[in-house]
Amino acid sequence: MSKVLRSILITLIINGAVPYLLYVWLSGNMSSFAALSIATIVPMADNLLHLARHKKLDVFGGMMLFTFLLGLGMVLLGGDEKLLLIRESFVTAAVGALFLVSLLFPRPLIYHLAMRFSSKDGSEKSNFADNWQIPYFRYVIRLMTIVWGMMLLVEAAVRITLVYELTTEQFLAISNIVFYCFIGAAIGWTVLFRRCSKVRLMEIKSRMLCK
């Protein structure tokens, strides 16, 4: 297994799987608010450890922590059954909006996420940072940020609509299917687009070297 893939898996497990499983396990014995509060400690601790070790925040871990804190806020709001069902969609929409808002900054969220999962030896990070000077590379990163942001917003809108169009049983049966279809489509597009853009980027860099 490559270092990059190992880094992605470890981050997903610590910041995603472990808090979620902890929440599911605890929610059967205490309130949702208490269970989610305890589960949030895991990504928070990981972010503090990363900050202490590297003297900077972990963008991906911070985003995962943001989703848990937002979910915590949604639990505090309470509400009827419909509101509880769309709680996850509010979190998805918030993350999608976060992607789009990051376009207003010098380097969007996709750039920082890609840097987070680059190889640890420094060469890939340096190469990635150097590529930022190329206009086409900046276009690729910004387009990927737009696509992911819009995909998450549309997914949230679809699931919120389904909450009010279907019964609770019907919604629970297809909710995850809808989510994974959208995420799968976004991942598939990203893989294909990255493959094509990488070829074009190599051509641009070759022409630059020949000048």
N, C-alpha and C. Protein backbone atom coordinates (compact mmCIF):
# COMPACT_ATOMS: atom_id res chain seq x y z
N MET A 1 0.85 -1.20 0.00
CA MET A 1 0.00 0.00 0.00
C MET A 1 0.89 1.25 0.00
N SER A 2 0.60 2.23 -0.87
CA SER A 2 1.41 3.43 -0.96
C SER A 2 1.24 4.29 0.29
N LYS A 3 2.22 5.18 0.51
CA LYS A 3 2.16 6.06 1.67
C LYS A 3 0.96 6.99 1.60
N VAL A 4 0.65 7.46 0.38
CA VAL A 4 -0.48 8.38 0.20
C VAL A 4 -1.79 7.69 0.56
N LEU A 5 -2.00 6.46 0.03
CA LEU A 5 -3.22 5.72 0.31
C LEU A 5 -3.32 5.40 1.80
N ARG A 6 -2.20 5.04 2.40
CA ARG A 6 -2.19 4.74 3.83
C ARG A 6 -2.57 5.97 4.64
N SER A 7 -2.06 7.13 4.23
CA SER A 7 -2.37 8.38 4.91
C SER A 7 -3.85 8.71 4.81
N ILE A 8 -4.44 8.49 3.63
CA ILE A 8 -5.86 8.75 3.41
C ILE A 8 -6.71 7.84 4.29
N LEU A 9 -6.36 6.55 4.32
CA LEU A 9 -7.13 5.59 5.10
C LEU A 9 -7.07 5.90 6.59
N ILE A 10 -5.86 6.22 7.08
CA ILE A 10 -5.71 6.52 8.50
C ILE A 10 -6.52 7.76 8.88
N THR A 11 -6.47 8.78 8.03
CA THR A 11 -7.20 10.01 8.30
C THR A 11 -8.70 9.77 8.30
N LEU A 12 -9.19 9.00 7.32
CA LEU A 12 -10.62 8.69 7.24
C LEU A 12 -11.08 7.88 8.44
N ILE A 13 -10.24 6.95 8.88
CA ILE A 13 -10.60 6.12 10.03
C ILE A 13 -10.68 6.96 11.31
N ILE A 14 -9.63 7.79 11.54
CA ILE A 14 -9.57 8.58 12.77
C ILE A 14 -10.64 9.67 12.79
N ASN A 15 -10.79 10.38 11.67
CA ASN A 15 -11.68 11.54 11.65
C ASN A 15 -13.10 11.23 11.19
N GLY A 16 -13.31 10.04 10.61
CA GLY A 16 -14.62 9.71 10.12
C GLY A 16 -15.23 8.46 10.73
N ALA A 17 -14.59 7.32 10.50
CA ALA A 17 -15.15 6.03 10.92
C ALA A 17 -15.23 5.89 12.45
N VAL A 18 -14.13 6.20 13.14
CA VAL A 18 -14.11 6.03 14.59
C VAL A 18 -15.15 6.91 15.29
N PRO A 19 -15.22 8.21 14.97
CA PRO A 19 -16.25 9.04 15.62
C PRO A 19 -17.67 8.56 15.31
N TYR A 20 -17.90 8.13 14.06
CA TYR A 20 -19.25 7.68 13.68
C TYR A 20 -19.63 6.41 14.45
N LEU A 21 -18.73 5.43 14.48
CA LEU A 21 -19.00 4.18 15.19
C LEU A 21 -19.16 4.42 16.68
N LEU A 22 -18.37 5.35 17.21
CA LEU A 22 -18.48 5.69 18.62
C LEU A 22 -19.84 6.32 18.92
N TYR A 23 -20.28 7.19 18.00
CA TYR A 23 -21.58 7.82 18.16
C TYR A 23 -22.71 6.79 18.12
N VAL A 24 -22.64 5.87 17.14
CA VAL A 24 -23.68 4.83 17.01
C VAL A 24 -23.72 3.96 18.26
N TRP A 25 -22.57 3.61 18.78
CA TRP A 25 -22.49 2.75 19.96
C TRP A 25 -23.03 3.45 21.20
N LEU A 26 -22.68 4.73 21.37
CA LEU A 26 -23.08 5.46 22.56
C LEU A 26 -24.53 5.93 22.52
N SER A 27 -25.05 6.19 21.30
CA SER A 27 -26.40 6.75 21.19
C SER A 27 -27.47 5.81 21.72
N GLY A 28 -27.17 4.52 21.83
CA GLY A 28 -28.14 3.58 22.37
C GLY A 28 -28.23 3.64 23.89
N ASN A 29 -27.24 4.30 24.51
CA ASN A 29 -27.20 4.35 25.97
C ASN A 29 -27.32 5.76 26.55
N MET A 30 -27.33 6.76 25.67
CA MET A 30 -27.44 8.16 26.14
C MET A 30 -28.07 9.01 25.06
N SER A 31 -28.26 10.27 25.33
CA SER A 31 -28.90 11.17 24.36
C SER A 31 -28.00 11.38 23.15
N SER A 32 -28.62 11.76 22.03
CA SER A 32 -27.85 12.02 20.80
C SER A 32 -26.82 13.12 21.02
N PHE A 33 -27.21 14.14 21.78
CA PHE A 33 -26.30 15.25 22.05
C PHE A 33 -25.06 14.78 22.81
N ALA A 34 -25.26 13.98 23.84
CA ALA A 34 -24.14 13.49 24.64
C ALA A 34 -23.24 12.56 23.82
N ALA A 35 -23.86 11.67 23.03
CA ALA A 35 -23.09 10.73 22.21
C ALA A 35 -22.26 11.47 21.16
N LEU A 36 -22.88 12.47 20.51
CA LEU A 36 -22.17 13.22 19.48
C LEU A 36 -21.07 14.09 20.09
N SER A 37 -21.31 14.60 21.29
CA SER A 37 -20.30 15.41 21.98
C SER A 37 -19.04 14.58 22.25
N ILE A 38 -19.25 13.35 22.72
CA ILE A 38 -18.11 12.47 23.01
C ILE A 38 -17.40 12.06 21.73
N ALA A 39 -18.18 11.74 20.68
CA ALA A 39 -17.59 11.33 19.40
C ALA A 39 -16.75 12.44 18.78
N THR A 40 -17.15 13.70 19.03
CA THR A 40 -16.44 14.84 18.46
C THR A 40 -15.05 15.00 19.07
N ILE A 41 -14.83 14.43 20.25
CA ILE A 41 -13.53 14.53 20.91
C ILE A 41 -12.42 13.90 20.06
N VAL A 42 -12.76 12.82 19.32
CA VAL A 42 -11.74 12.11 18.54
C VAL A 42 -11.13 12.99 17.45
N PRO A 43 -11.92 13.54 16.51
CA PRO A 43 -11.31 14.41 15.50
C PRO A 43 -10.70 15.67 16.10
N MET A 44 -11.28 16.16 17.21
CA MET A 44 -10.73 17.35 17.85
C MET A 44 -9.34 17.06 18.40
N ALA A 45 -9.17 15.90 19.04
CA ALA A 45 -7.87 15.51 19.59
C ALA A 45 -6.85 15.31 18.47
N ASP A 46 -7.30 14.71 17.36
CA ASP A 46 -6.40 14.49 16.23
C ASP A 46 -5.93 15.82 15.65
N ASN A 47 -6.84 16.80 15.56
CA ASN A 47 -6.47 18.12 15.05
C ASN A 47 -5.49 18.83 15.97
N LEU A 48 -5.71 18.72 17.29
CA LEU A 48 -4.80 19.35 18.24
C LEU A 48 -3.42 18.71 18.18
N LEU A 49 -3.37 17.38 18.01
CA LEU A 49 -2.10 16.67 17.89
C LEU A 49 -1.36 17.10 16.63
N HIS A 50 -2.11 17.21 15.52
CA HIS A 50 -1.51 17.65 14.25
C HIS A 50 -0.98 19.08 14.38
N LEU A 51 -1.74 19.95 15.07
CA LEU A 51 -1.33 21.33 15.26
C LEU A 51 -0.06 21.42 16.10
N ALA A 52 0.02 20.61 17.14
CA ALA A 52 1.20 20.61 18.00
C ALA A 52 2.42 20.07 17.28
N ARG A 53 2.21 19.07 16.42
CA ARG A 53 3.33 18.43 15.73
C ARG A 53 3.83 19.24 14.54
N HIS A 54 2.89 19.81 13.76
CA HIS A 54 3.27 20.48 12.51
C HIS A 54 3.12 22.00 12.56
N LYS A 55 2.64 22.51 13.68
CA LYS A 55 2.46 23.95 13.87
C LYS A 55 1.49 24.57 12.87
N LYS A 56 0.57 23.77 12.36
CA LYS A 56 -0.47 24.28 11.47
C LYS A 56 -1.66 23.33 11.51
N LEU A 57 -2.83 23.87 11.17
CA LEU A 57 -4.04 23.06 11.21
C LEU A 57 -4.09 22.07 10.06
N ASP A 58 -4.69 20.92 10.29
CA ASP A 58 -4.92 19.92 9.26
C ASP A 58 -6.25 20.26 8.58
N VAL A 59 -6.19 20.64 7.29
CA VAL A 59 -7.39 21.10 6.59
C VAL A 59 -8.47 20.02 6.54
N PHE A 60 -8.08 18.79 6.19
CA PHE A 60 -9.06 17.71 6.09
C PHE A 60 -9.65 17.38 7.45
N GLY A 61 -8.78 17.23 8.44
CA GLY A 61 -9.26 16.94 9.79
C GLY A 61 -10.14 18.06 10.31
N GLY A 62 -9.77 19.29 9.98
CA GLY A 62 -10.58 20.44 10.40
C GLY A 62 -11.96 20.42 9.76
N MET A 63 -12.01 19.99 8.50
CA MET A 63 -13.30 19.91 7.81
C MET A 63 -14.17 18.83 8.44
N MET A 64 -13.58 17.69 8.79
CA MET A 64 -14.33 16.63 9.44
C MET A 64 -14.84 17.09 10.81
N LEU A 65 -13.98 17.81 11.54
CA LEU A 65 -14.38 18.34 12.84
C LEU A 65 -15.53 19.33 12.68
N PHE A 66 -15.45 20.14 11.62
CA PHE A 66 -16.51 21.12 11.35
C PHE A 66 -17.85 20.43 11.15
N THR A 67 -17.86 19.29 10.42
CA THR A 67 -19.12 18.59 10.18
C THR A 67 -19.70 18.03 11.48
N PHE A 68 -18.82 17.54 12.37
CA PHE A 68 -19.31 17.01 13.65
C PHE A 68 -19.86 18.13 14.53
N LEU A 69 -19.18 19.27 14.55
CA LEU A 69 -19.65 20.39 15.36
C LEU A 69 -20.97 20.94 14.82
N LEU A 70 -21.09 20.95 13.49
CA LEU A 70 -22.33 21.40 12.89
C LEU A 70 -23.46 20.42 13.22
N GLY A 71 -23.14 19.14 13.17
CA GLY A 71 -24.14 18.14 13.56
C GLY A 71 -24.55 18.29 15.01
N LEU A 72 -23.58 18.65 15.84
CA LEU A 72 -23.87 18.88 17.26
C LEU A 72 -24.85 20.04 17.41
N GLY A 73 -24.63 21.09 16.61
CA GLY A 73 -25.53 22.22 16.65
C GLY A 73 -26.93 21.85 16.18
N MET A 74 -27.02 20.97 15.17
CA MET A 74 -28.33 20.54 14.67
C MET A 74 -29.08 19.73 15.73
N VAL A 75 -28.32 18.94 16.50
CA VAL A 75 -28.96 18.18 17.58
C VAL A 75 -29.56 19.12 18.61
N LEU A 76 -28.84 20.20 18.92
CA LEU A 76 -29.33 21.18 19.90
C LEU A 76 -30.62 21.84 19.44
N LEU A 77 -30.78 21.98 18.10
CA LEU A 77 -31.99 22.60 17.58
C LEU A 77 -33.22 21.73 17.82
N GLY A 78 -32.97 20.42 17.90
CA GLY A 78 -34.10 19.50 18.12
C GLY A 78 -35.04 19.52 16.93
N GLY A 79 -36.37 19.53 17.16
CA GLY A 79 -37.32 19.60 16.07
C GLY A 79 -38.06 18.30 15.88
N ASP A 80 -38.93 18.28 14.86
CA ASP A 80 -39.73 17.10 14.60
C ASP A 80 -38.93 16.05 13.83
N GLU A 81 -39.62 14.98 13.47
CA GLU A 81 -38.96 13.85 12.80
C GLU A 81 -38.35 14.27 11.47
N LYS A 82 -39.04 15.10 10.71
CA LYS A 82 -38.55 15.55 9.41
C LYS A 82 -37.24 16.32 9.55
N LEU A 83 -37.18 17.20 10.54
CA LEU A 83 -35.96 17.97 10.75
C LEU A 83 -34.80 17.07 11.13
N LEU A 84 -35.07 16.05 11.92
CA LEU A 84 -34.01 15.12 12.30
C LEU A 84 -33.50 14.35 11.08
N LEU A 85 -34.39 14.02 10.15
CA LEU A 85 -34.00 13.27 8.96
C LEU A 85 -33.13 14.11 8.01
N ILE A 86 -33.37 15.41 7.97
CA ILE A 86 -32.60 16.24 7.04
C ILE A 86 -31.36 16.84 7.70
N ARG A 87 -31.11 16.46 8.97
CA ARG A 87 -29.96 17.01 9.68
C ARG A 87 -28.66 16.73 8.94
N GLU A 88 -28.47 15.49 8.47
CA GLU A 88 -27.25 15.14 7.74
C GLU A 88 -27.12 15.94 6.46
N SER A 89 -28.26 16.22 5.81
CA SER A 89 -28.22 16.97 4.56
C SER A 89 -27.78 18.41 4.80
N PHE A 90 -28.13 18.97 5.94
CA PHE A 90 -27.67 20.31 6.27
C PHE A 90 -26.15 20.32 6.40
N VAL A 91 -25.60 19.27 7.00
CA VAL A 91 -24.15 19.16 7.14
C VAL A 91 -23.50 19.04 5.76
N THR A 92 -24.07 18.19 4.89
CA THR A 92 -23.53 18.02 3.53
C THR A 92 -23.58 19.34 2.78
N ALA A 93 -24.69 20.07 2.90
CA ALA A 93 -24.83 21.36 2.24
C ALA A 93 -23.80 22.36 2.75
N ALA A 94 -23.55 22.32 4.05
CA ALA A 94 -22.57 23.24 4.65
C ALA A 94 -21.16 22.96 4.12
N VAL A 95 -20.81 21.68 3.98
CA VAL A 95 -19.50 21.32 3.44
C VAL A 95 -19.41 21.74 1.97
N GLY A 96 -20.49 21.53 1.20
CA GLY A 96 -20.51 21.96 -0.19
C GLY A 96 -20.32 23.46 -0.30
N ALA A 97 -21.01 24.21 0.57
CA ALA A 97 -20.86 25.66 0.58
C ALA A 97 -19.44 26.06 0.96
N LEU A 98 -18.82 25.28 1.87
CA LEU A 98 -17.45 25.53 2.28
C LEU A 98 -16.49 25.40 1.10
N PHE A 99 -16.72 24.40 0.24
CA PHE A 99 -15.92 24.25 -0.97
C PHE A 99 -16.03 25.49 -1.84
N LEU A 100 -17.26 25.96 -2.08
CA LEU A 100 -17.48 27.09 -2.97
C LEU A 100 -16.94 28.39 -2.39
N VAL A 101 -17.12 28.59 -1.09
CA VAL A 101 -16.61 29.80 -0.45
C VAL A 101 -15.08 29.84 -0.50
N SER A 102 -14.44 28.66 -0.47
CA SER A 102 -12.97 28.61 -0.51
C SER A 102 -12.42 29.14 -1.83
N LEU A 103 -13.27 29.26 -2.86
CA LEU A 103 -12.84 29.82 -4.13
C LEU A 103 -12.50 31.30 -4.01
N LEU A 104 -13.00 31.94 -2.96
CA LEU A 104 -12.73 33.36 -2.75
C LEU A 104 -11.33 33.58 -2.17
N PHE A 105 -10.70 32.51 -1.69
CA PHE A 105 -9.37 32.60 -1.11
C PHE A 105 -8.30 32.31 -2.17
N PRO A 106 -7.06 32.67 -1.90
CA PRO A 106 -5.99 32.47 -2.90
C PRO A 106 -5.89 31.02 -3.41
N ARG A 107 -6.07 30.05 -2.52
CA ARG A 107 -6.00 28.65 -2.92
C ARG A 107 -7.20 27.91 -2.33
N PRO A 108 -8.04 27.32 -3.19
CA PRO A 108 -9.29 26.69 -2.72
C PRO A 108 -9.06 25.41 -1.95
N LEU A 109 -10.14 24.88 -1.40
CA LEU A 109 -10.10 23.74 -0.49
C LEU A 109 -9.49 22.50 -1.13
N ILE A 110 -9.81 22.23 -2.39
CA ILE A 110 -9.27 21.04 -3.06
C ILE A 110 -7.74 21.05 -3.06
N TYR A 111 -7.16 22.23 -3.23
CA TYR A 111 -5.69 22.34 -3.23
C TYR A 111 -5.14 21.88 -1.88
N HIS A 112 -5.72 22.36 -0.80
CA HIS A 112 -5.22 22.01 0.54
C HIS A 112 -5.46 20.54 0.85
N LEU A 113 -6.58 19.99 0.37
CA LEU A 113 -6.84 18.57 0.59
C LEU A 113 -5.84 17.71 -0.18
N ALA A 114 -5.53 18.12 -1.41
CA ALA A 114 -4.55 17.38 -2.21
C ALA A 114 -3.17 17.45 -1.57
N MET A 115 -2.81 18.61 -1.03
CA MET A 115 -1.53 18.75 -0.35
C MET A 115 -1.49 17.87 0.90
N ARG A 116 -2.63 17.78 1.57
CA ARG A 116 -2.71 16.97 2.80
C ARG A 116 -2.39 15.51 2.52
N PHE A 117 -2.79 15.01 1.35
CA PHE A 117 -2.60 13.60 1.05
C PHE A 117 -1.45 13.35 0.07
N SER A 118 -0.60 14.37 -0.14
CA SER A 118 0.58 14.16 -0.95
C SER A 118 1.58 13.34 -0.15
N SER A 119 2.59 12.79 -0.84
CA SER A 119 3.58 11.95 -0.17
C SER A 119 4.32 12.75 0.89
N LYS A 120 4.77 12.07 1.92
CA LYS A 120 5.39 12.71 3.07
C LYS A 120 6.85 13.11 2.83
N ASP A 121 7.47 12.64 1.72
CA ASP A 121 8.89 12.92 1.53
C ASP A 121 9.17 14.36 1.11
N GLY A 122 8.13 15.11 0.79
CA GLY A 122 8.30 16.52 0.47
C GLY A 122 8.42 16.81 -1.01
N SER A 123 8.90 15.85 -1.82
CA SER A 123 9.09 16.08 -3.25
C SER A 123 7.77 16.31 -3.96
N GLU A 124 6.76 15.48 -3.65
CA GLU A 124 5.46 15.62 -4.30
C GLU A 124 4.78 16.92 -3.86
N LYS A 125 4.92 17.28 -2.60
CA LYS A 125 4.35 18.52 -2.11
C LYS A 125 4.99 19.71 -2.82
N SER A 126 6.31 19.67 -2.97
CA SER A 126 7.03 20.75 -3.64
C SER A 126 6.60 20.86 -5.10
N ASN A 127 6.48 19.71 -5.77
CA ASN A 127 6.06 19.70 -7.16
C ASN A 127 4.65 20.23 -7.31
N PHE A 128 3.79 19.86 -6.37
CA PHE A 128 2.40 20.31 -6.39
C PHE A 128 2.33 21.81 -6.20
N ALA A 129 3.15 22.33 -5.28
CA ALA A 129 3.18 23.78 -5.03
C ALA A 129 3.72 24.53 -6.24
N ASP A 130 4.73 23.96 -6.90
CA ASP A 130 5.29 24.59 -8.10
C ASP A 130 4.27 24.65 -9.23
N ASN A 131 3.45 23.61 -9.34
CA ASN A 131 2.44 23.57 -10.40
C ASN A 131 1.42 24.69 -10.25
N TRP A 132 1.26 25.20 -9.03
CA TRP A 132 0.28 26.26 -8.81
C TRP A 132 0.60 27.51 -9.63
N GLN A 133 1.84 27.66 -10.04
CA GLN A 133 2.23 28.82 -10.85
C GLN A 133 1.71 28.73 -12.28
N ILE A 134 1.26 27.55 -12.67
CA ILE A 134 0.76 27.33 -14.04
C ILE A 134 -0.74 27.62 -14.08
N PRO A 135 -1.19 28.54 -14.94
CA PRO A 135 -2.62 28.90 -15.01
C PRO A 135 -3.55 27.70 -15.22
N TYR A 136 -3.15 26.76 -16.08
CA TYR A 136 -4.01 25.60 -16.34
C TYR A 136 -4.20 24.77 -15.08
N PHE A 137 -3.15 24.63 -14.28
CA PHE A 137 -3.24 23.85 -13.05
C PHE A 137 -4.21 24.53 -12.07
N ARG A 138 -4.14 25.85 -12.00
CA ARG A 138 -5.06 26.58 -11.12
C ARG A 138 -6.50 26.41 -11.60
N TYR A 139 -6.69 26.38 -12.92
CA TYR A 139 -8.02 26.15 -13.49
C TYR A 139 -8.55 24.77 -13.10
N VAL A 140 -7.70 23.77 -13.17
CA VAL A 140 -8.09 22.39 -12.82
C VAL A 140 -8.52 22.31 -11.35
N ILE A 141 -7.72 22.87 -10.47
CA ILE A 141 -8.03 22.82 -9.03
C ILE A 141 -9.32 23.56 -8.73
N ARG A 142 -9.52 24.71 -9.33
CA ARG A 142 -10.73 25.49 -9.07
C ARG A 142 -11.96 24.80 -9.65
N LEU A 143 -11.83 24.19 -10.82
CA LEU A 143 -12.96 23.48 -11.41
C LEU A 143 -13.35 22.28 -10.55
N MET A 144 -12.37 21.56 -10.04
CA MET A 144 -12.66 20.42 -9.17
C MET A 144 -13.35 20.89 -7.89
N THR A 145 -12.94 22.03 -7.38
CA THR A 145 -13.57 22.58 -6.17
C THR A 145 -15.03 22.93 -6.45
N ILE A 146 -15.29 23.54 -7.62
CA ILE A 146 -16.66 23.90 -8.00
C ILE A 146 -17.53 22.66 -8.14
N VAL A 147 -17.02 21.65 -8.83
CA VAL A 147 -17.79 20.43 -9.07
C VAL A 147 -18.15 19.75 -7.75
N TRP A 148 -17.18 19.61 -6.85
CA TRP A 148 -17.46 18.96 -5.57
C TRP A 148 -18.43 19.79 -4.73
N GLY A 149 -18.25 21.10 -4.74
CA GLY A 149 -19.15 21.95 -3.98
C GLY A 149 -20.58 21.86 -4.49
N MET A 150 -20.75 21.93 -5.82
CA MET A 150 -22.09 21.85 -6.41
C MET A 150 -22.70 20.47 -6.22
N MET A 151 -21.88 19.42 -6.33
CA MET A 151 -22.37 18.06 -6.17
C MET A 151 -22.93 17.84 -4.77
N LEU A 152 -22.22 18.34 -3.77
CA LEU A 152 -22.69 18.19 -2.39
C LEU A 152 -23.95 19.01 -2.13
N LEU A 153 -24.03 20.19 -2.71
CA LEU A 153 -25.23 21.02 -2.53
C LEU A 153 -26.44 20.39 -3.20
N VAL A 154 -26.25 19.87 -4.41
CA VAL A 154 -27.36 19.23 -5.12
C VAL A 154 -27.80 17.97 -4.39
N GLU A 155 -26.83 17.19 -3.91
CA GLU A 155 -27.16 15.96 -3.16
C GLU A 155 -28.00 16.30 -1.94
N ALA A 156 -27.61 17.36 -1.22
CA ALA A 156 -28.36 17.77 -0.04
C ALA A 156 -29.77 18.21 -0.42
N ALA A 157 -29.89 18.96 -1.51
CA ALA A 157 -31.21 19.44 -1.96
C ALA A 157 -32.11 18.27 -2.34
N VAL A 158 -31.55 17.26 -3.01
CA VAL A 158 -32.34 16.09 -3.41
C VAL A 158 -32.83 15.33 -2.18
N ARG A 159 -31.94 15.11 -1.22
CA ARG A 159 -32.34 14.34 -0.03
C ARG A 159 -33.34 15.11 0.83
N ILE A 160 -33.19 16.43 0.91
CA ILE A 160 -34.16 17.22 1.67
C ILE A 160 -35.53 17.15 1.01
N THR A 161 -35.55 17.19 -0.33
CA THR A 161 -36.81 17.08 -1.05
C THR A 161 -37.46 15.71 -0.81
N LEU A 162 -36.64 14.67 -0.82
CA LEU A 162 -37.16 13.31 -0.61
C LEU A 162 -37.75 13.13 0.78
N VAL A 163 -37.20 13.83 1.78
CA VAL A 163 -37.73 13.73 3.14
C VAL A 163 -39.21 14.09 3.16
N TYR A 164 -39.57 15.11 2.40
CA TYR A 164 -40.96 15.59 2.43
C TYR A 164 -41.84 14.93 1.37
N GLU A 165 -41.24 14.18 0.45
CA GLU A 165 -42.02 13.50 -0.58
C GLU A 165 -42.27 12.03 -0.26
N LEU A 166 -41.43 11.45 0.60
CA LEU A 166 -41.53 10.03 0.91
C LEU A 166 -41.88 9.82 2.38
N THR A 167 -42.29 8.61 2.69
CA THR A 167 -42.48 8.26 4.09
C THR A 167 -41.12 8.07 4.74
N THR A 168 -41.08 8.06 6.06
CA THR A 168 -39.82 7.88 6.77
C THR A 168 -39.15 6.57 6.39
N GLU A 169 -39.93 5.50 6.30
CA GLU A 169 -39.38 4.19 5.94
C GLU A 169 -38.78 4.21 4.53
N GLN A 170 -39.50 4.83 3.59
CA GLN A 170 -39.00 4.90 2.21
C GLN A 170 -37.73 5.73 2.13
N PHE A 171 -37.70 6.84 2.87
CA PHE A 171 -36.52 7.70 2.84
C PHE A 171 -35.30 6.99 3.40
N LEU A 172 -35.48 6.32 4.54
CA LEU A 172 -34.35 5.61 5.15
C LEU A 172 -33.83 4.50 4.25
N ALA A 173 -34.72 3.93 3.43
CA ALA A 173 -34.32 2.84 2.54
C ALA A 173 -33.45 3.31 1.39
N ILE A 174 -33.67 4.55 0.90
CA ILE A 174 -32.92 5.01 -0.28
C ILE A 174 -31.96 6.16 0.02
N SER A 175 -31.99 6.67 1.25
CA SER A 175 -31.16 7.83 1.59
C SER A 175 -29.68 7.59 1.30
N ASN A 176 -29.13 6.50 1.81
CA ASN A 176 -27.71 6.21 1.61
C ASN A 176 -27.40 5.90 0.15
N ILE A 177 -28.35 5.31 -0.55
CA ILE A 177 -28.15 5.02 -1.97
C ILE A 177 -27.96 6.32 -2.74
N VAL A 178 -28.82 7.30 -2.45
CA VAL A 178 -28.71 8.61 -3.10
C VAL A 178 -27.36 9.25 -2.79
N PHE A 179 -26.97 9.20 -1.52
CA PHE A 179 -25.70 9.81 -1.10
C PHE A 179 -24.52 9.18 -1.84
N TYR A 180 -24.46 7.85 -1.85
CA TYR A 180 -23.32 7.18 -2.47
C TYR A 180 -23.32 7.31 -3.99
N CYS A 181 -24.49 7.46 -4.59
CA CYS A 181 -24.56 7.69 -6.04
C CYS A 181 -23.92 9.02 -6.39
N PHE A 182 -24.25 10.06 -5.63
CA PHE A 182 -23.68 11.38 -5.87
C PHE A 182 -22.18 11.39 -5.62
N ILE A 183 -21.77 10.81 -4.49
CA ILE A 183 -20.34 10.79 -4.16
C ILE A 183 -19.57 9.94 -5.17
N GLY A 184 -20.18 8.80 -5.58
CA GLY A 184 -19.54 7.94 -6.58
C GLY A 184 -19.37 8.66 -7.90
N ALA A 185 -20.40 9.42 -8.30
CA ALA A 185 -20.32 10.19 -9.55
C ALA A 185 -19.22 11.25 -9.46
N ALA A 186 -19.12 11.91 -8.31
CA ALA A 186 -18.10 12.94 -8.12
C ALA A 186 -16.70 12.33 -8.16
N ILE A 187 -16.53 11.19 -7.52
CA ILE A 187 -15.23 10.51 -7.51
C ILE A 187 -14.87 10.04 -8.92
N GLY A 188 -15.85 9.44 -9.62
CA GLY A 188 -15.60 8.97 -10.98
C GLY A 188 -15.20 10.10 -11.91
N TRP A 189 -15.92 11.22 -11.82
CA TRP A 189 -15.57 12.38 -12.65
C TRP A 189 -14.17 12.88 -12.30
N THR A 190 -13.85 12.93 -11.00
CA THR A 190 -12.55 13.43 -10.56
C THR A 190 -11.42 12.58 -11.11
N VAL A 191 -11.58 11.26 -11.06
CA VAL A 191 -10.54 10.35 -11.56
C VAL A 191 -10.32 10.55 -13.06
N LEU A 192 -11.41 10.61 -13.83
CA LEU A 192 -11.29 10.79 -15.27
C LEU A 192 -10.73 12.16 -15.62
N PHE A 193 -11.23 13.20 -14.97
CA PHE A 193 -10.77 14.56 -15.25
C PHE A 193 -9.30 14.73 -14.86
N ARG A 194 -8.92 14.16 -13.72
CA ARG A 194 -7.53 14.26 -13.28
C ARG A 194 -6.60 13.55 -14.26
N ARG A 195 -7.05 12.41 -14.79
CA ARG A 195 -6.23 11.66 -15.75
C ARG A 195 -6.01 12.48 -17.02
N CYS A 196 -7.07 13.09 -17.52
CA CYS A 196 -6.96 13.89 -18.74
C CYS A 196 -6.16 15.17 -18.51
N SER A 197 -6.42 15.83 -17.38
CA SER A 197 -5.74 17.09 -17.10
C SER A 197 -4.26 16.87 -16.83
N LYS A 198 -3.91 15.70 -16.29
CA LYS A 198 -2.50 15.40 -16.02
C LYS A 198 -1.71 15.32 -17.32
N VAL A 199 -2.31 14.72 -18.34
CA VAL A 199 -1.65 14.62 -19.64
C VAL A 199 -1.43 16.01 -20.22
N ARG A 200 -2.46 16.84 -20.17
CA ARG A 200 -2.34 18.19 -20.72
C ARG A 200 -1.35 19.02 -19.93
N LEU A 201 -1.33 18.84 -18.60
CA LEU A 201 -0.39 19.58 -17.78
C LEU A 201 1.05 19.20 -18.12
N MET A 202 1.29 17.91 -18.36
CA MET A 202 2.63 17.47 -18.75
C MET A 202 3.05 18.09 -20.07
N GLU A 203 2.10 18.21 -21.00
CA GLU A 203 2.40 18.84 -22.29
C GLU A 203 2.75 20.31 -22.11
N ILE A 204 2.02 21.00 -21.26
CA ILE A 204 2.28 22.42 -20.99
C ILE A 204 3.64 22.60 -20.34
N LYS A 205 3.97 21.74 -19.39
CA LYS A 205 5.26 21.83 -18.71
C LYS A 205 6.41 21.52 -19.67
N SER A 206 6.17 20.59 -20.60
CA SER A 206 7.21 20.27 -21.59
C SER A 206 7.47 21.44 -22.51
N ARG A 207 6.39 22.13 -22.93
CA ARG A 207 6.56 23.29 -23.79
C ARG A 207 7.29 24.42 -23.05
N MET A 208 7.02 24.53 -21.76
CA MET A 208 7.69 25.56 -20.96
C MET A 208 9.17 25.29 -20.84
N LEU A 209 9.54 24.02 -20.73
CA LEU A 209 10.96 23.65 -20.61
C LEU A 209 11.72 23.88 -21.91
N CYS A 210 10.98 23.77 -23.04
CA CYS A 210 11.62 23.92 -24.35
C CYS A 210 11.87 25.38 -24.70
N LYS A 211 11.21 26.29 -24.00
CA LYS A 211 11.39 27.72 -24.30
C LYS A 211 12.71 28.23 -23.73
